[in-house]
Amino acid sequence: MLVWKIIFVGMLSPFLLGGGGAAGCHSKQNNNSQSEPRSKPVIEKQQPGSGELKVVAEGFHSSLNAPFMAVIRDAETYAALTKLETNLPKLDASFFGSNAVVAAFLGQRNTGGYAVEITRNTKGQIQVTEKKPGKGMMVPQMITSPFKIVAVEGGASSAITLSLDDAWRRQMQTYRVANGNFSAGGGFSGREEKFGLEGELSVLRAGRLATLVFDIRSSNSLKKRSLIESATGVAKSDSQVTLERFNAGTLVDQPNPGLQAKVTFVDKQKKLSIEIGSRPSMIADGYSGGGRIEGEASSPKPAP
C-alpha cells in the first residue's frame, strides 16, 4: 500500500489515508503491504521561537524527482515553490516579514526508509542531511522522494549558511568568480570604498527556481569583507533569475537593508553575470552598496 506522510506544524493527528496527487495513492490495505504512516495536515499559526527551526511540512513523496533545496525569504518565491510541489501550506507576506524557509527535496529513491534531516550544527550552519535506511532494515518496496521544509526564525534578515550532504552538492553547478567588483559606503561620513571580489558560488535549479550559494570574499579592501549566504530566486526567463532579498554579509556595513540581485546565465549556462545591489531603504545614515560578478563554470554539472 502506497501511503505518504505529510506533517504540517502543529498538533499532529495520525491516521492512515489513501489519496490522489501529491498526497498519496488510493489502494486496498492488506496484511502483506508496507507503508509510510501519514498524519492529517494541520496548519500551524504560531511563529517559531527565537533561534528555532520549526517544521512546516515533511513527507515521503513530492513532485520533485531530483535533489533540490531552496532558501526563501519572500512570498512570491514561495508561491513559485508551491507550483512545483502543490501540497504545501500557504505562507503569506506577513510570515516572511520575520522568517525564512529552508526547503530540501531529496529526489527519487527506489525504496522507503529514506528521509531528509535539517538541523543546526555546532558552527551555526543549517545542516541538510540524507537519512538512509540501516543495513538489513525492512523498508517499504516503493518509490519515494522525501522532503522537509522548516521555518527559520529571524532568517528574513539574517544570513543563512548551509552545510549540504553529497546528494545536493553533486547536483550543483559551481562557478568561479572570474571578475568581481563592489563599492560600499554611507553612514555619517558618507565615505565609499571600492574593492574586488573573489571566490565561488554554486547554483541548483528546479523549474523556475534557482538557488545560489555564495562563498565570496573581498580583495584589496581596507578590511576583510565576505558574502557567505544562500538565496533562492524566480526565473523571469530561461536565462535570467531575480533574487529579491538576501543578507549582505559583511560586504556592506551595518545598518543596511540587505541585497537583491539579477542573475543572467549565458553561453549555455557555462557563464553567469550578477548585478548586485542594496534593497531600497528608509534607514537614516545607513549603508548601501552594489557591484557586479562575472562567473565561469569550474566543474561540469552532473547528468540528471
Protein backbone atom coordinates (compact mmCIF):
# COMPACT_ATOMS: atom_id res chain seq x y z
CA MET A 1 0.00 0.00 0.00
CA LEU A 2 1.39 3.35 -1.03
CA VAL A 3 0.71 5.95 1.64
CA TRP A 4 2.69 9.10 2.16
CA LYS A 5 3.24 11.05 5.33
CA ILE A 6 2.75 14.80 5.26
CA ILE A 7 3.27 16.60 8.57
CA PHE A 8 2.42 20.28 8.92
CA VAL A 9 3.47 22.18 12.03
CA GLY A 10 1.08 21.90 14.94
CA MET A 11 -0.66 19.20 16.95
CA LEU A 12 -0.47 16.03 14.87
CA SER A 13 -3.37 13.62 14.49
CA PRO A 14 -2.02 10.43 12.86
CA PHE A 15 -4.18 8.31 10.61
CA LEU A 16 -3.87 6.19 7.50
CA LEU A 17 -5.24 7.57 4.27
CA GLY A 18 -5.02 6.83 0.55
CA GLY A 19 -5.47 9.73 -1.85
CA GLY A 20 -4.53 11.06 -5.27
CA GLY A 21 -1.97 13.58 -6.46
CA ALA A 22 0.97 14.57 -4.29
CA ALA A 23 -0.79 13.38 -1.13
CA GLY A 24 -0.89 9.68 -1.86
CA CYS A 25 -2.28 6.83 -3.96
CA HIS A 26 -5.50 5.05 -3.03
CA SER A 27 -5.28 1.27 -2.67
CA LYS A 28 -6.76 -1.51 -0.56
CA GLN A 29 -4.89 -2.41 2.61
CA ASN A 30 -3.68 -5.99 3.08
CA ASN A 31 -1.51 -7.88 5.54
CA ASN A 32 1.48 -8.07 3.18
CA SER A 33 1.70 -4.36 2.38
CA GLN A 34 4.22 -1.97 3.92
CA SER A 35 3.54 1.72 4.20
CA GLU A 36 4.83 5.02 5.45
CA PRO A 37 2.38 6.43 8.06
CA ARG A 38 0.59 9.64 7.26
CA SER A 39 -0.85 12.26 9.52
CA LYS A 40 -3.57 14.80 8.92
CA PRO A 41 -2.28 18.11 7.53
CA VAL A 42 -2.58 20.88 10.09
CA ILE A 43 -1.54 24.48 9.50
CA GLU A 44 0.35 25.97 12.42
CA LYS A 45 -0.24 29.67 13.03
CA GLN A 46 2.24 30.06 15.85
CA GLN A 47 5.57 31.64 14.89
CA PRO A 48 8.76 29.72 15.75
CA GLY A 49 10.68 30.84 18.82
CA SER A 50 13.98 32.68 18.77
CA GLY A 51 16.74 30.68 17.11
CA GLU A 52 14.39 27.78 16.44
CA LEU A 53 13.98 25.68 13.30
CA LYS A 54 10.35 24.67 13.10
CA VAL A 55 8.95 22.07 10.69
CA VAL A 56 6.48 23.48 8.18
CA ALA A 57 5.99 20.29 6.15
CA GLU A 58 7.65 16.95 5.50
CA GLY A 59 6.79 13.78 3.66
CA PHE A 60 7.95 10.75 1.70
CA HIS A 61 6.78 11.79 -1.74
CA SER A 62 6.98 15.01 -3.71
CA SER A 63 6.68 16.11 -7.31
CA LEU A 64 10.43 16.86 -7.49
CA ASN A 65 12.31 13.74 -8.57
CA ALA A 66 15.82 15.29 -8.48
CA PRO A 67 17.59 16.78 -5.44
CA PHE A 68 16.78 20.45 -4.86
CA MET A 69 16.95 22.85 -1.97
CA ALA A 70 15.73 26.40 -1.51
CA VAL A 71 16.23 29.33 0.88
CA ILE A 72 13.19 31.59 0.56
CA ARG A 73 12.55 34.99 2.13
CA ASP A 74 9.55 36.33 0.17
CA ALA A 75 6.01 35.23 -0.63
CA GLU A 76 6.44 35.37 -4.43
CA THR A 77 9.32 32.90 -4.44
CA TYR A 78 7.46 30.60 -2.03
CA ALA A 79 4.43 30.73 -4.34
CA ALA A 80 6.68 29.50 -7.18
CA LEU A 81 7.75 26.59 -4.96
CA THR A 82 4.12 25.65 -4.29
CA LYS A 83 3.59 25.37 -8.05
CA LEU A 84 6.31 22.71 -8.15
CA GLU A 85 5.02 20.98 -5.00
CA THR A 86 1.33 21.76 -4.65
CA ASN A 87 0.66 20.03 -1.32
CA LEU A 88 2.29 22.71 0.85
CA PRO A 89 0.70 25.12 3.35
CA LYS A 90 0.14 28.72 2.36
CA LEU A 91 2.58 31.27 3.81
CA ASP A 92 1.83 34.94 3.25
CA ALA A 93 3.95 38.09 3.17
CA SER A 94 3.50 38.70 6.90
CA PHE A 95 5.14 35.35 7.65
CA PHE A 96 8.19 36.34 5.62
CA GLY A 97 8.42 39.63 7.47
CA SER A 98 10.48 37.83 10.11
CA ASN A 99 11.01 34.26 8.86
CA ALA A 100 12.81 32.44 6.08
CA VAL A 101 12.04 28.99 4.73
CA VAL A 102 14.61 26.28 4.04
CA ALA A 103 13.21 23.52 1.81
CA ALA A 104 15.11 20.34 0.92
CA PHE A 105 13.94 17.73 -1.61
CA LEU A 106 15.99 14.53 -1.72
CA GLY A 107 14.87 13.31 -5.13
CA GLN A 108 13.68 9.86 -6.11
CA ARG A 109 14.71 6.78 -4.12
CA ASN A 110 13.80 3.18 -5.02
CA THR A 111 12.53 2.20 -1.56
CA GLY A 112 11.19 3.67 1.65
CA GLY A 113 13.39 4.26 4.68
CA TYR A 114 14.93 7.48 3.36
CA ALA A 115 14.28 10.91 4.85
CA VAL A 116 15.61 14.48 4.96
CA GLU A 117 17.03 15.92 8.17
CA ILE A 118 17.51 19.68 8.70
CA THR A 119 19.35 20.72 11.85
CA ARG A 120 21.66 23.47 13.07
CA ASN A 121 25.23 22.27 13.63
CA THR A 122 27.80 23.47 16.16
CA LYS A 123 29.10 26.09 13.70
CA GLY A 124 25.65 27.66 13.44
CA GLN A 125 25.16 26.37 9.89
CA ILE A 126 21.90 24.82 8.78
CA GLN A 127 22.83 21.24 8.00
CA VAL A 128 20.84 19.32 5.40
CA THR A 129 21.38 15.56 5.53
CA GLU A 130 20.11 12.49 3.71
CA LYS A 131 18.97 9.86 6.21
CA LYS A 132 19.40 6.37 4.76
CA PRO A 133 17.85 3.08 5.95
CA GLY A 134 20.11 0.92 8.08
CA LYS A 135 21.74 -2.18 6.66
CA GLY A 136 19.29 -5.08 6.68
CA MET A 137 16.35 -2.86 7.69
CA MET A 138 12.93 -3.87 6.36
CA VAL A 139 11.64 -0.97 4.23
CA PRO A 140 8.55 -0.44 2.04
CA GLN A 141 9.23 -1.61 -1.51
CA MET A 142 8.02 1.50 -3.25
CA ILE A 143 9.49 4.56 -4.92
CA THR A 144 9.77 7.56 -2.59
CA SER A 145 11.00 11.16 -2.91
CA PRO A 146 11.34 12.54 0.64
CA PHE A 147 11.32 16.23 1.51
CA LYS A 148 11.36 18.54 4.51
CA ILE A 149 10.64 22.24 4.92
CA VAL A 150 11.48 24.31 8.00
CA ALA A 151 10.90 27.90 9.09
CA VAL A 152 13.98 29.79 10.29
CA GLU A 153 13.07 32.42 12.88
CA GLY A 154 14.85 35.68 12.10
CA GLY A 155 16.02 34.32 8.74
CA ALA A 156 14.30 37.09 6.81
CA SER A 157 17.15 39.46 7.59
CA SER A 158 19.99 37.22 8.81
CA ALA A 159 22.46 35.21 6.72
CA ILE A 160 21.72 31.52 6.20
CA THR A 161 24.83 29.38 5.82
CA LEU A 162 24.27 25.84 4.60
CA SER A 163 26.12 22.56 5.10
CA LEU A 164 24.81 20.21 2.40
CA ASP A 165 25.09 16.45 2.06
CA ASP A 166 26.53 14.88 -1.11
CA ALA A 167 23.05 14.27 -2.52
CA TRP A 168 22.63 18.02 -3.06
CA ARG A 169 26.25 19.02 -3.69
CA ARG A 170 26.57 16.59 -6.60
CA GLN A 171 23.60 18.27 -8.30
CA MET A 172 25.09 21.77 -8.15
CA GLN A 173 26.91 23.72 -10.83
CA THR A 174 29.87 25.61 -9.37
CA TYR A 175 31.13 28.91 -10.82
CA ARG A 176 34.47 30.54 -10.13
CA VAL A 177 34.48 34.33 -9.86
CA ALA A 178 36.49 35.44 -12.91
CA ASN A 179 35.90 39.13 -12.31
CA GLY A 180 34.15 40.93 -9.48
CA ASN A 181 33.90 44.43 -8.10
CA PHE A 182 31.88 46.10 -5.39
CA SER A 183 31.57 49.52 -3.78
CA ALA A 184 30.04 50.20 -0.39
CA GLY A 185 29.61 53.25 1.78
CA GLY A 186 27.29 55.56 3.67
CA GLY A 187 26.88 56.33 7.34
CA PHE A 188 27.51 59.77 8.82
CA SER A 189 30.75 60.24 6.87
CA GLY A 190 29.36 59.10 3.53
CA ARG A 191 32.74 57.55 2.72
CA GLU A 192 32.78 54.98 -0.10
CA GLU A 193 35.16 52.05 -0.53
CA LYS A 194 35.72 50.13 -3.76
CA PHE A 195 37.20 46.64 -3.81
CA GLY A 196 37.41 43.45 -5.85
CA LEU A 197 35.58 40.18 -5.26
CA GLU A 198 36.88 36.62 -5.48
CA GLY A 199 35.70 33.14 -4.56
CA GLU A 200 32.97 30.93 -5.97
CA LEU A 201 29.25 30.30 -5.96
CA SER A 202 27.09 27.26 -6.65
CA VAL A 203 23.73 27.04 -8.40
CA LEU A 204 20.93 24.48 -8.09
CA ARG A 205 17.84 24.75 -10.30
CA ALA A 206 14.33 23.24 -10.41
CA GLY A 207 11.63 24.55 -12.71
CA ARG A 208 11.53 28.35 -12.45
CA LEU A 209 13.53 28.37 -9.22
CA ALA A 210 17.29 28.78 -8.82
CA THR A 211 19.23 28.66 -5.55
CA LEU A 212 22.59 30.42 -5.29
CA VAL A 213 25.09 29.59 -2.56
CA PHE A 214 27.64 32.41 -2.24
CA ASP A 215 31.19 31.97 -0.92
CA ILE A 216 32.57 35.39 -1.90
CA ARG A 217 35.35 37.43 -0.30
CA SER A 218 36.83 40.86 -0.89
CA SER A 219 40.25 41.58 -2.34
CA ASN A 220 42.21 44.84 -1.94
CA SER A 221 39.80 46.10 0.71
CA LEU A 222 40.60 48.08 3.85
CA LYS A 223 39.08 45.31 5.97
CA LYS A 224 38.08 41.74 5.28
CA ARG A 225 34.63 41.50 3.78
CA SER A 226 32.63 38.47 2.71
CA LEU A 227 29.29 37.16 1.48
CA ILE A 228 28.65 33.66 2.87
CA GLU A 229 24.97 33.33 2.14
CA SER A 230 22.26 31.33 0.32
CA ALA A 231 19.19 32.61 -1.53
CA THR A 232 16.56 31.34 -3.98
CA GLY A 233 15.06 33.38 -6.79
CA VAL A 234 12.48 33.05 -9.55
CA ALA A 235 13.42 32.87 -13.24
CA LYS A 236 11.91 35.70 -15.30
CA SER A 237 13.12 33.92 -18.46
CA ASP A 238 15.19 30.86 -19.35
CA SER A 239 18.39 32.82 -18.78
CA GLN A 240 17.54 35.33 -16.05
CA VAL A 241 16.78 34.88 -12.33
CA THR A 242 15.89 37.56 -9.78
CA LEU A 243 16.90 37.25 -6.12
CA GLU A 244 14.54 39.53 -4.24
CA ARG A 245 16.14 39.52 -0.81
CA PHE A 246 19.22 38.22 0.99
CA ASN A 247 21.68 39.25 3.67
CA ALA A 248 24.64 41.47 2.73
CA GLY A 249 27.10 39.64 4.97
CA THR A 250 30.00 41.97 5.67
CA LEU A 251 30.15 43.38 2.14
CA VAL A 252 28.10 46.30 3.49
CA ASP A 253 28.45 47.77 6.97
CA GLN A 254 25.53 47.85 9.39
CA PRO A 255 22.82 49.10 9.36
CA ASN A 256 21.85 48.12 5.82
CA PRO A 257 18.65 46.88 4.12
CA GLY A 258 20.14 43.71 2.63
CA LEU A 259 20.82 42.93 -1.01
CA GLN A 260 18.96 41.99 -4.17
CA ALA A 261 20.38 40.68 -7.45
CA LYS A 262 19.68 39.90 -11.09
CA VAL A 263 21.45 36.76 -12.35
CA THR A 264 21.94 36.19 -16.08
CA PHE A 265 23.16 32.85 -17.49
CA VAL A 266 24.98 32.92 -20.82
CA ASP A 267 26.80 30.54 -23.17
CA LYS A 268 24.55 27.56 -22.32
CA GLN A 269 24.98 28.30 -18.59
CA LYS A 270 28.77 27.98 -18.81
CA LYS A 271 28.99 31.58 -17.61
CA LEU A 272 26.89 33.90 -15.49
CA SER A 273 26.82 37.56 -14.56
CA ILE A 274 25.26 39.02 -11.44
CA GLU A 275 24.22 42.62 -10.93
CA ILE A 276 24.02 43.02 -7.18
CA GLY A 277 22.91 45.97 -5.07
CA SER A 278 21.22 47.12 -1.88
CA ARG A 279 17.46 46.96 -1.48
CA PRO A 280 15.53 50.22 -1.11
CA SER A 281 15.92 51.63 2.39
CA MET A 282 14.48 54.28 4.69
CA ILE A 283 17.36 53.91 7.17
CA ALA A 284 18.81 57.30 8.05
CA ASP A 285 22.60 57.34 7.75
CA GLY A 286 22.55 53.67 6.78
CA TYR A 287 24.98 51.87 4.49
CA SER A 288 24.49 50.54 0.98
CA GLY A 289 26.49 49.05 -1.84
CA GLY A 290 26.47 47.47 -5.26
CA GLY A 291 28.61 45.77 -7.85
CA ARG A 292 28.94 43.06 -10.46
CA ILE A 293 30.18 39.46 -10.52
CA GLU A 294 31.25 37.52 -13.62
CA GLY A 295 31.48 33.76 -13.11
CA GLU A 296 32.72 30.82 -15.17
CA ALA A 297 31.72 27.20 -14.65
CA SER A 298 34.56 25.46 -12.83
CA SER A 299 33.13 21.93 -12.96
CA PRO A 300 30.58 20.25 -15.25
CA LYS A 301 27.09 19.79 -13.91
CA PRO A 302 26.42 16.07 -13.30
CA ALA A 303 23.97 14.34 -15.61
CA PRO A 304 20.49 14.02 -14.02
